[in-house]
Amino acid sequence: MWAVLWLLVLTALGAVVISLNPPAGGPDGTAFNPLVYTMDLLIPIVDIGHERAFGVSGRAQWLAYVLTAMGWILFTAVAGALTRTVHRS
């Protein structure tokens, strides 16, 4: 449960910080959405495509690195908890 809460907090934090430092523009006039971009960084298994289409720079790039690492750590914890819960049933 704590891992899910941390994922929600990091999603909100990432969306706010990245919206303050948006990238210049995407290919083919694709609109940038900071929430979708943050979710693309935090969810390690699913590739939404926003991370490849846009590239943030500066301090937001460091946040992107942290969000990617935290996404892997927290989703591993959630997967382990779900596996343990299903195994008990």
PDB file of N, CA and C in Angstrom:
ATOM      1  N   MET A   1       0.815  -1.195   0.000  1.00  0.00           N
ATOM      2  CA  MET A   1       0.000   0.000   0.000  1.00  0.00           C
ATOM      3  C   MET A   1       0.862   1.264   0.000  1.00  0.00           C
ATOM      4  N   TRP A   2       1.977   1.219   0.739  1.00  0.00           N
ATOM      5  CA  TRP A   2       2.865   2.384   0.788  1.00  0.00           C
ATOM      6  C   TRP A   2       3.476   2.668  -0.577  1.00  0.00           C
ATOM      7  N   ALA A   3       3.808   1.610  -1.309  1.00  0.00           N
ATOM      8  CA  ALA A   3       4.407   1.796  -2.630  1.00  0.00           C
ATOM      9  C   ALA A   3       3.424   2.484  -3.577  1.00  0.00           C
ATOM     10  N   VAL A   4       2.160   2.115  -3.502  1.00  0.00           N
ATOM     11  CA  VAL A   4       1.136   2.751  -4.343  1.00  0.00           C
ATOM     12  C   VAL A   4       0.987   4.217  -3.954  1.00  0.00           C
ATOM     13  N   LEU A   5       1.003   4.497  -2.675  1.00  0.00           N
ATOM     14  CA  LEU A   5       0.910   5.882  -2.220  1.00  0.00           C
ATOM     15  C   LEU A   5       2.110   6.704  -2.720  1.00  0.00           C
ATOM     16  N   TRP A   6       3.305   6.133  -2.646  1.00  0.00           N
ATOM     17  CA  TRP A   6       4.495   6.825  -3.143  1.00  0.00           C
ATOM     18  C   TRP A   6       4.403   7.052  -4.646  1.00  0.00           C
ATOM     19  N   LEU A   7       3.870   6.083  -5.380  1.00  0.00           N
ATOM     20  CA  LEU A   7       3.708   6.268  -6.823  1.00  0.00           C
ATOM     21  C   LEU A   7       2.768   7.425  -7.128  1.00  0.00           C
ATOM     22  N   LEU A   8       1.697   7.546  -6.372  1.00  0.00           N
ATOM     23  CA  LEU A   8       0.769   8.660  -6.575  1.00  0.00           C
ATOM     24  C   LEU A   8       1.412  10.001  -6.241  1.00  0.00           C
ATOM     25  N   VAL A   9       2.157  10.046  -5.145  1.00  0.00           N
ATOM     26  CA  VAL A   9       2.842  11.287  -4.754  1.00  0.00           C
ATOM     27  C   VAL A   9       3.881  11.676  -5.802  1.00  0.00           C
ATOM     28  N   LEU A  10       4.671  10.716  -6.266  1.00  0.00           N
ATOM     29  CA  LEU A  10       5.680  11.012  -7.276  1.00  0.00           C
ATOM     30  C   LEU A  10       5.058  11.419  -8.607  1.00  0.00           C
ATOM     31  N   THR A  11       3.900  10.843  -8.942  1.00  0.00           N
ATOM     32  CA  THR A  11       3.207  11.243 -10.162  1.00  0.00           C
ATOM     33  C   THR A  11       2.778  12.701 -10.081  1.00  0.00           C
ATOM     34  N   ALA A  12       2.202  13.089  -8.966  1.00  0.00           N
ATOM     35  CA  ALA A  12       1.779  14.484  -8.799  1.00  0.00           C
ATOM     36  C   ALA A  12       2.978  15.424  -8.798  1.00  0.00           C
ATOM     37  N   LEU A  13       4.019  15.080  -8.053  1.00  0.00           N
ATOM     38  CA  LEU A  13       5.210  15.914  -7.988  1.00  0.00           C
ATOM     39  C   LEU A  13       5.865  16.054  -9.362  1.00  0.00           C
ATOM     40  N   GLY A  14       6.020  14.946 -10.041  1.00  0.00           N
ATOM     41  CA  GLY A  14       6.643  14.972 -11.367  1.00  0.00           C
ATOM     42  C   GLY A  14       5.845  15.788 -12.369  1.00  0.00           C
ATOM     43  N   ALA A  15       4.535  15.646 -12.351  1.00  0.00           N
ATOM     44  CA  ALA A  15       3.694  16.407 -13.286  1.00  0.00           C
ATOM     45  C   ALA A  15       3.810  17.900 -13.039  1.00  0.00           C
ATOM     46  N   VAL A  16       3.862  18.301 -11.781  1.00  0.00           N
ATOM     47  CA  VAL A  16       3.970  19.730 -11.461  1.00  0.00           C
ATOM     48  C   VAL A  16       5.332  20.275 -11.881  1.00  0.00           C
ATOM     49  N   VAL A  17       6.400  19.582 -11.510  1.00  0.00           N
ATOM     50  CA  VAL A  17       7.748  20.070 -11.824  1.00  0.00           C
ATOM     51  C   VAL A  17       7.991  20.082 -13.329  1.00  0.00           C
ATOM     52  N   ILE A  18       7.581  19.041 -14.028  1.00  0.00           N
ATOM     53  CA  ILE A  18       7.808  18.983 -15.475  1.00  0.00           C
ATOM     54  C   ILE A  18       6.919  19.980 -16.211  1.00  0.00           C
ATOM     55  N   SER A  19       5.743  20.282 -15.673  1.00  0.00           N
ATOM     56  CA  SER A  19       4.909  21.300 -16.318  1.00  0.00           C
ATOM     57  C   SER A  19       5.522  22.691 -16.193  1.00  0.00           C
ATOM     58  N   LEU A  20       6.352  22.899 -15.179  1.00  0.00           N
ATOM     59  CA  LEU A  20       7.054  24.178 -15.027  1.00  0.00           C
ATOM     60  C   LEU A  20       8.258  24.275 -15.961  1.00  0.00           C
ATOM     61  N   ASN A  21       8.752  23.130 -16.439  1.00  0.00           N
ATOM     62  CA  ASN A  21       9.900  23.075 -17.366  1.00  0.00           C
ATOM     63  C   ASN A  21       9.533  22.234 -18.589  1.00  0.00           C
ATOM     64  N   PRO A  22       8.545  22.648 -19.387  1.00  0.00           N
ATOM     65  CA  PRO A  22       8.124  21.807 -20.509  1.00  0.00           C
ATOM     66  C   PRO A  22       9.160  21.799 -21.639  1.00  0.00           C
ATOM     67  N   PRO A  23       9.197  20.718 -22.417  1.00  0.00           N
ATOM     68  CA  PRO A  23      10.116  20.683 -23.558  1.00  0.00           C
ATOM     69  C   PRO A  23       9.616  21.605 -24.677  1.00  0.00           C
ATOM     70  N   ALA A  24      10.495  21.890 -25.625  1.00  0.00           N
ATOM     71  CA  ALA A  24      10.182  22.844 -26.690  1.00  0.00           C
ATOM     72  C   ALA A  24       9.028  22.375 -27.577  1.00  0.00           C
ATOM     73  N   GLY A  25       9.047  21.168 -28.058  1.00  0.00           N
ATOM     74  CA  GLY A  25       7.983  20.685 -28.933  1.00  0.00           C
ATOM     75  C   GLY A  25       8.219  19.252 -29.332  1.00  0.00           C
ATOM     76  N   GLY A  26       7.172  18.618 -29.786  1.00  0.00           N
ATOM     77  CA  GLY A  26       7.263  17.221 -30.152  1.00  0.00           C
ATOM     78  C   GLY A  26       7.151  17.020 -31.647  1.00  0.00           C
ATOM     79  N   PRO A  27       7.310  15.799 -32.087  1.00  0.00           N
ATOM     80  CA  PRO A  27       7.208  15.501 -33.510  1.00  0.00           C
ATOM     81  C   PRO A  27       5.764  15.570 -33.991  1.00  0.00           C
ATOM     82  N   ASP A  28       5.584  16.024 -35.204  1.00  0.00           N
ATOM     83  CA  ASP A  28       4.266  16.055 -35.853  1.00  0.00           C
ATOM     84  C   ASP A  28       3.227  16.829 -35.066  1.00  0.00           C
ATOM     85  N   GLY A  29       3.644  17.827 -34.325  1.00  0.00           N
ATOM     86  CA  GLY A  29       2.697  18.663 -33.596  1.00  0.00           C
ATOM     87  C   GLY A  29       2.028  17.976 -32.422  1.00  0.00           C
ATOM     88  N   THR A  30       2.628  16.918 -31.900  1.00  0.00           N
ATOM     89  CA  THR A  30       2.069  16.212 -30.757  1.00  0.00           C
ATOM     90  C   THR A  30       2.083  17.127 -29.539  1.00  0.00           C
ATOM     91  N   ALA A  31       0.967  17.204 -28.855  1.00  0.00           N
ATOM     92  CA  ALA A  31       0.866  18.063 -27.675  1.00  0.00           C
ATOM     93  C   ALA A  31       1.542  17.398 -26.482  1.00  0.00           C
ATOM     94  N   PHE A  32       2.239  18.194 -25.703  1.00  0.00           N
ATOM     95  CA  PHE A  32       2.916  17.689 -24.510  1.00  0.00           C
ATOM     96  C   PHE A  32       1.957  17.684 -23.342  1.00  0.00           C
ATOM     97  N   ASN A  33       1.934  16.569 -22.603  1.00  0.00           N
ATOM     98  CA  ASN A  33       1.115  16.436 -21.406  1.00  0.00           C
ATOM     99  C   ASN A  33       2.038  16.006 -20.267  1.00  0.00           C
ATOM    100  N   PRO A  34       2.263  16.884 -19.282  1.00  0.00           N
ATOM    101  CA  PRO A  34       3.211  16.540 -18.209  1.00  0.00           C
ATOM    102  C   PRO A  34       2.786  15.336 -17.373  1.00  0.00           C
ATOM    103  N   LEU A  35       1.483  15.119 -17.195  1.00  0.00           N
ATOM    104  CA  LEU A  35       1.019  13.963 -16.427  1.00  0.00           C
ATOM    105  C   LEU A  35       1.328  12.663 -17.171  1.00  0.00           C
ATOM    106  N   VAL A  36       1.064  12.636 -18.460  1.00  0.00           N
ATOM    107  CA  VAL A  36       1.346  11.442 -19.264  1.00  0.00           C
ATOM    108  C   VAL A  36       2.848  11.191 -19.337  1.00  0.00           C
ATOM    109  N   TYR A  37       3.619  12.266 -19.457  1.00  0.00           N
ATOM    110  CA  TYR A  37       5.072  12.130 -19.488  1.00  0.00           C
ATOM    111  C   TYR A  37       5.583  11.526 -18.176  1.00  0.00           C
ATOM    112  N   THR A  38       5.064  12.013 -17.055  1.00  0.00           N
ATOM    113  CA  THR A  38       5.467  11.487 -15.748  1.00  0.00           C
ATOM    114  C   THR A  38       5.070  10.025 -15.601  1.00  0.00           C
ATOM    115  N   MET A  39       3.871   9.680 -16.034  1.00  0.00           N
ATOM    116  CA  MET A  39       3.438   8.281 -15.953  1.00  0.00           C
ATOM    117  C   MET A  39       4.303   7.399 -16.847  1.00  0.00           C
ATOM    118  N   ASP A  40       4.724   7.919 -17.994  1.00  0.00           N
ATOM    119  CA  ASP A  40       5.597   7.150 -18.879  1.00  0.00           C
ATOM    120  C   ASP A  40       6.951   6.889 -18.220  1.00  0.00           C
ATOM    121  N   LEU A  41       7.413   7.813 -17.398  1.00  0.00           N
ATOM    122  CA  LEU A  41       8.667   7.608 -16.670  1.00  0.00           C
ATOM    123  C   LEU A  41       8.495   6.627 -15.516  1.00  0.00           C
ATOM    124  N   LEU A  42       7.374   6.712 -14.809  1.00  0.00           N
ATOM    125  CA  LEU A  42       7.183   5.903 -13.597  1.00  0.00           C
ATOM    126  C   LEU A  42       6.754   4.466 -13.878  1.00  0.00           C
ATOM    127  N   ILE A  43       6.075   4.219 -14.966  1.00  0.00           N
ATOM    128  CA  ILE A  43       5.600   2.862 -15.261  1.00  0.00           C
ATOM    129  C   ILE A  43       6.647   2.181 -16.146  1.00  0.00           C
ATOM    130  N   PRO A  44       7.438   1.280 -15.584  1.00  0.00           N
ATOM    131  CA  PRO A  44       8.567   0.728 -16.331  1.00  0.00           C
ATOM    132  C   PRO A  44       8.187  -0.288 -17.408  1.00  0.00           C
ATOM    133  N   ILE A  45       7.069  -0.943 -17.277  1.00  0.00           N
ATOM    134  CA  ILE A  45       6.717  -2.029 -18.187  1.00  0.00           C
ATOM    135  C   ILE A  45       6.030  -1.516 -19.447  1.00  0.00           C
ATOM    136  N   VAL A  46       5.213  -0.488 -19.324  1.00  0.00           N
ATOM    137  CA  VAL A  46       4.419   0.034 -20.430  1.00  0.00           C
ATOM    138  C   VAL A  46       5.133   1.242 -21.045  1.00  0.00           C
ATOM    139  N   ASP A  47       5.216   1.261 -22.372  1.00  0.00           N
ATOM    140  CA  ASP A  47       5.825   2.389 -23.075  1.00  0.00           C
ATOM    141  C   ASP A  47       4.707   3.209 -23.723  1.00  0.00           C
ATOM    142  N   ILE A  48       4.391   4.351 -23.127  1.00  0.00           N
ATOM    143  CA  ILE A  48       3.334   5.218 -23.645  1.00  0.00           C
ATOM    144  C   ILE A  48       3.837   5.999 -24.854  1.00  0.00           C
ATOM    145  N   GLY A  49       5.132   6.261 -24.924  1.00  0.00           N
ATOM    146  CA  GLY A  49       5.728   6.942 -26.062  1.00  0.00           C
ATOM    147  C   GLY A  49       6.029   8.413 -25.835  1.00  0.00           C
ATOM    148  N   HIS A  50       5.567   8.959 -24.749  1.00  0.00           N
ATOM    149  CA  HIS A  50       5.804  10.379 -24.465  1.00  0.00           C
ATOM    150  C   HIS A  50       7.271  10.646 -24.143  1.00  0.00           C
ATOM    151  N   GLU A  51       7.911   9.696 -23.483  1.00  0.00           N
ATOM    152  CA  GLU A  51       9.311   9.884 -23.104  1.00  0.00           C
ATOM    153  C   GLU A  51      10.204   9.947 -24.342  1.00  0.00           C
ATOM    154  N   ARG A  52       9.916   9.132 -25.346  1.00  0.00           N
ATOM    155  CA  ARG A  52      10.697   9.139 -26.576  1.00  0.00           C
ATOM    156  C   ARG A  52      10.394  10.363 -27.433  1.00  0.00           C
ATOM    157  N   ALA A  53       9.150  10.834 -27.402  1.00  0.00           N
ATOM    158  CA  ALA A  53       8.742  11.950 -28.252  1.00  0.00           C
ATOM    159  C   ALA A  53       9.251  13.295 -27.743  1.00  0.00           C
ATOM    160  N   PHE A  54       9.381  13.428 -26.440  1.00  0.00           N
ATOM    161  CA  PHE A  54       9.800  14.692 -25.844  1.00  0.00           C
ATOM    162  C   PHE A  54      11.034  14.455 -24.985  1.00  0.00           C
ATOM    163  N   GLY A  55      11.856  15.440 -24.921  1.00  0.00           N
ATOM    164  CA  GLY A  55      13.039  15.347 -24.073  1.00  0.00           C
ATOM    165  C   GLY A  55      13.152  16.583 -23.205  1.00  0.00           C
ATOM    166  N   VAL A  56      13.063  16.391 -21.917  1.00  0.00           N
ATOM    167  CA  VAL A  56      13.224  17.513 -21.005  1.00  0.00           C
ATOM    168  C   VAL A  56      14.715  17.726 -20.776  1.00  0.00           C
ATOM    169  N   SER A  57      15.080  18.912 -20.317  1.00  0.00           N
ATOM    170  CA  SER A  57      16.490  19.202 -20.077  1.00  0.00           C
ATOM    171  C   SER A  57      16.636  19.956 -18.764  1.00  0.00           C
ATOM    172  N   GLY A  58      17.861  20.138 -18.366  1.00  0.00           N
ATOM    173  CA  GLY A  58      18.138  20.866 -17.134  1.00  0.00           C
ATOM    174  C   GLY A  58      17.797  20.051 -15.901  1.00  0.00           C
ATOM    175  N   ARG A  59      17.270  20.736 -14.915  1.00  0.00           N
ATOM    176  CA  ARG A  59      16.915  20.060 -13.653  1.00  0.00           C
ATOM    177  C   ARG A  59      15.797  19.047 -13.839  1.00  0.00           C
ATOM    178  N   ALA A  60      14.915  19.297 -14.774  1.00  0.00           N
ATOM    179  CA  ALA A  60      13.831  18.350 -15.031  1.00  0.00           C
ATOM    180  C   ALA A  60      14.374  17.019 -15.543  1.00  0.00           C
ATOM    181  N   GLN A  61      15.523  17.045 -16.229  1.00  0.00           N
ATOM    182  CA  GLN A  61      16.131  15.802 -16.698  1.00  0.00           C
ATOM    183  C   GLN A  61      16.589  14.951 -15.522  1.00  0.00           C
ATOM    184  N   TRP A  62      17.133  15.577 -14.491  1.00  0.00           N
ATOM    185  CA  TRP A  62      17.531  14.830 -13.296  1.00  0.00           C
ATOM    186  C   TRP A  62      16.316  14.245 -12.603  1.00  0.00           C
ATOM    187  N   LEU A  63      15.226  14.993 -12.577  1.00  0.00           N
ATOM    188  CA  LEU A  63      13.988  14.461 -12.010  1.00  0.00           C
ATOM    189  C   LEU A  63      13.507  13.258 -12.818  1.00  0.00           C
ATOM    190  N   ALA A  64      13.652  13.323 -14.125  1.00  0.00           N
ATOM    191  CA  ALA A  64      13.252  12.198 -14.974  1.00  0.00           C
ATOM    192  C   ALA A  64      14.058  10.944 -14.633  1.00  0.00           C
ATOM    193  N   TYR A  65      15.349  11.108 -14.376  1.00  0.00           N
ATOM    194  CA  TYR A  65      16.179   9.960 -13.973  1.00  0.00           C
ATOM    195  C   TYR A  65      15.700   9.374 -12.648  1.00  0.00           C
ATOM    196  N   VAL A  66      15.413  10.238 -11.701  1.00  0.00           N
ATOM    197  CA  VAL A  66      14.955   9.782 -10.379  1.00  0.00           C
ATOM    198  C   VAL A  66      13.599   9.094 -10.491  1.00  0.00           C
ATOM    199  N   LEU A  67      12.690   9.664 -11.287  1.00  0.00           N
ATOM    200  CA  LEU A  67      11.362   9.063 -11.446  1.00  0.00           C
ATOM    201  C   LEU A  67      11.454   7.684 -12.103  1.00  0.00           C
ATOM    202  N   THR A  68      12.354   7.535 -13.066  1.00  0.00           N
ATOM    203  CA  THR A  68      12.529   6.233 -13.711  1.00  0.00           C
ATOM    204  C   THR A  68      13.036   5.196 -12.710  1.00  0.00           C
ATOM    205  N   ALA A  69      14.042   5.557 -11.926  1.00  0.00           N
ATOM    206  CA  ALA A  69      14.582   4.627 -10.933  1.00  0.00           C
ATOM    207  C   ALA A  69      13.539   4.286  -9.873  1.00  0.00           C
ATOM    208  N   MET A  70      12.831   5.301  -9.388  1.00  0.00           N
ATOM    209  CA  MET A  70      11.805   5.055  -8.370  1.00  0.00           C
ATOM    210  C   MET A  70      10.655   4.216  -8.932  1.00  0.00           C
ATOM    211  N   GLY A  71      10.343   4.413 -10.196  1.00  0.00           N
ATOM    212  CA  GLY A  71       9.293   3.604 -10.828  1.00  0.00           C
ATOM    213  C   GLY A  71       9.652   2.128 -10.808  1.00  0.00           C
ATOM    214  N   TRP A  72      10.895   1.811 -11.159  1.00  0.00           N
ATOM    215  CA  TRP A  72      11.321   0.411 -11.125  1.00  0.00           C
ATOM    216  C   TRP A  72      11.277  -0.157  -9.711  1.00  0.00           C
ATOM    217  N   ILE A  73      11.764   0.595  -8.753  1.00  0.00           N
ATOM    218  CA  ILE A  73      11.791   0.126  -7.364  1.00  0.00           C
ATOM    219  C   ILE A  73      10.377  -0.079  -6.827  1.00  0.00           C
ATOM    220  N   LEU A  74       9.510   0.910  -7.021  1.00  0.00           N
ATOM    221  CA  LEU A  74       8.165   0.833  -6.455  1.00  0.00           C
ATOM    222  C   LEU A  74       7.292  -0.197  -7.172  1.00  0.00           C
ATOM    223  N   PHE A  75       7.430  -0.321  -8.487  1.00  0.00           N
ATOM    224  CA  PHE A  75       6.640  -1.337  -9.180  1.00  0.00           C
ATOM    225  C   PHE A  75       7.108  -2.741  -8.841  1.00  0.00           C
ATOM    226  N   THR A  76       8.376  -2.901  -8.543  1.00  0.00           N
ATOM    227  CA  THR A  76       8.856  -4.201  -8.067  1.00  0.00           C
ATOM    228  C   THR A  76       8.228  -4.530  -6.715  1.00  0.00           C
ATOM    229  N   ALA A  77       8.131  -3.539  -5.839  1.00  0.00           N
ATOM    230  CA  ALA A  77       7.499  -3.746  -4.533  1.00  0.00           C
ATOM    231  C   ALA A  77       6.018  -4.071  -4.685  1.00  0.00           C
ATOM    232  N   VAL A  78       5.327  -3.362  -5.564  1.00  0.00           N
ATOM    233  CA  VAL A  78       3.893  -3.629  -5.787  1.00  0.00           C
ATOM    234  C   VAL A  78       3.703  -5.026  -6.374  1.00  0.00           C
ATOM    235  N   ALA A  79       4.532  -5.394  -7.344  1.00  0.00           N
ATOM    236  CA  ALA A  79       4.421  -6.729  -7.946  1.00  0.00           C
ATOM    237  C   ALA A  79       4.685  -7.818  -6.916  1.00  0.00           C
ATOM    238  N   GLY A  80       5.677  -7.616  -6.061  1.00  0.00           N
ATOM    239  CA  GLY A  80       5.954  -8.594  -5.006  1.00  0.00           C
ATOM    240  C   GLY A  80       4.804  -8.725  -4.033  1.00  0.00           C
ATOM    241  N   ALA A  81       4.198  -7.604  -3.671  1.00  0.00           N
ATOM    242  CA  ALA A  81       3.060  -7.650  -2.748  1.00  0.00           C
ATOM    243  C   ALA A  81       1.867  -8.346  -3.389  1.00  0.00           C
ATOM    244  N   LEU A  82       1.611  -8.058  -4.669  1.00  0.00           N
ATOM    245  CA  LEU A  82       0.492  -8.711  -5.354  1.00  0.00           C
ATOM    246  C   LEU A  82       0.733 -10.206  -5.520  1.00  0.00           C
ATOM    247  N   THR A  83       1.956 -10.583  -5.806  1.00  0.00           N
ATOM    248  CA  THR A  83       2.283 -11.999  -5.952  1.00  0.00           C
ATOM    249  C   THR A  83       2.100 -12.732  -4.634  1.00  0.00           C
ATOM    250  N   ARG A  84       2.525 -12.116  -3.557  1.00  0.00           N
ATOM    251  CA  ARG A  84       2.360 -12.729  -2.233  1.00  0.00           C
ATOM    252  C   ARG A  84       0.881 -12.851  -1.866  1.00  0.00           C
ATOM    253  N   THR A  85       0.096 -11.823  -2.204  1.00  0.00           N
ATOM    254  CA  THR A  85      -1.333 -11.852  -1.912  1.00  0.00           C
ATOM    255  C   THR A  85      -2.044 -12.924  -2.710  1.00  0.00           C
ATOM    256  N   VAL A  86      -1.708 -13.046  -3.975  1.00  0.00           N
ATOM    257  CA  VAL A  86      -2.341 -14.064  -4.835  1.00  0.00           C
ATOM    258  C   VAL A  86      -1.898 -15.450  -4.405  1.00  0.00           C
ATOM    259  N   HIS A  87      -0.661 -15.600  -4.011  1.00  0.00           N
ATOM    260  CA  HIS A  87      -0.142 -16.909  -3.616  1.00  0.00           C
ATOM    261  C   HIS A  87      -0.835 -17.419  -2.354  1.00  0.00           C
ATOM    262  N   ARG A  88      -1.178 -16.542  -1.434  1.00  0.00           N
ATOM    263  CA  ARG A  88      -1.854 -16.935  -0.181  1.00  0.00           C
ATOM    264  C   ARG A  88      -3.267 -17.410  -0.422  1.00  0.00           C
ATOM    265  N   SER A  89      -3.902 -16.899  -1.442  1.00  0.00           N
ATOM    266  CA  SER A  89      -5.329 -17.206  -1.675  1.00  0.00           C
ATOM    267  C   SER A  89      -5.550 -18.600  -2.161  1.00  0.00           C
TER     268      SER A  89
END
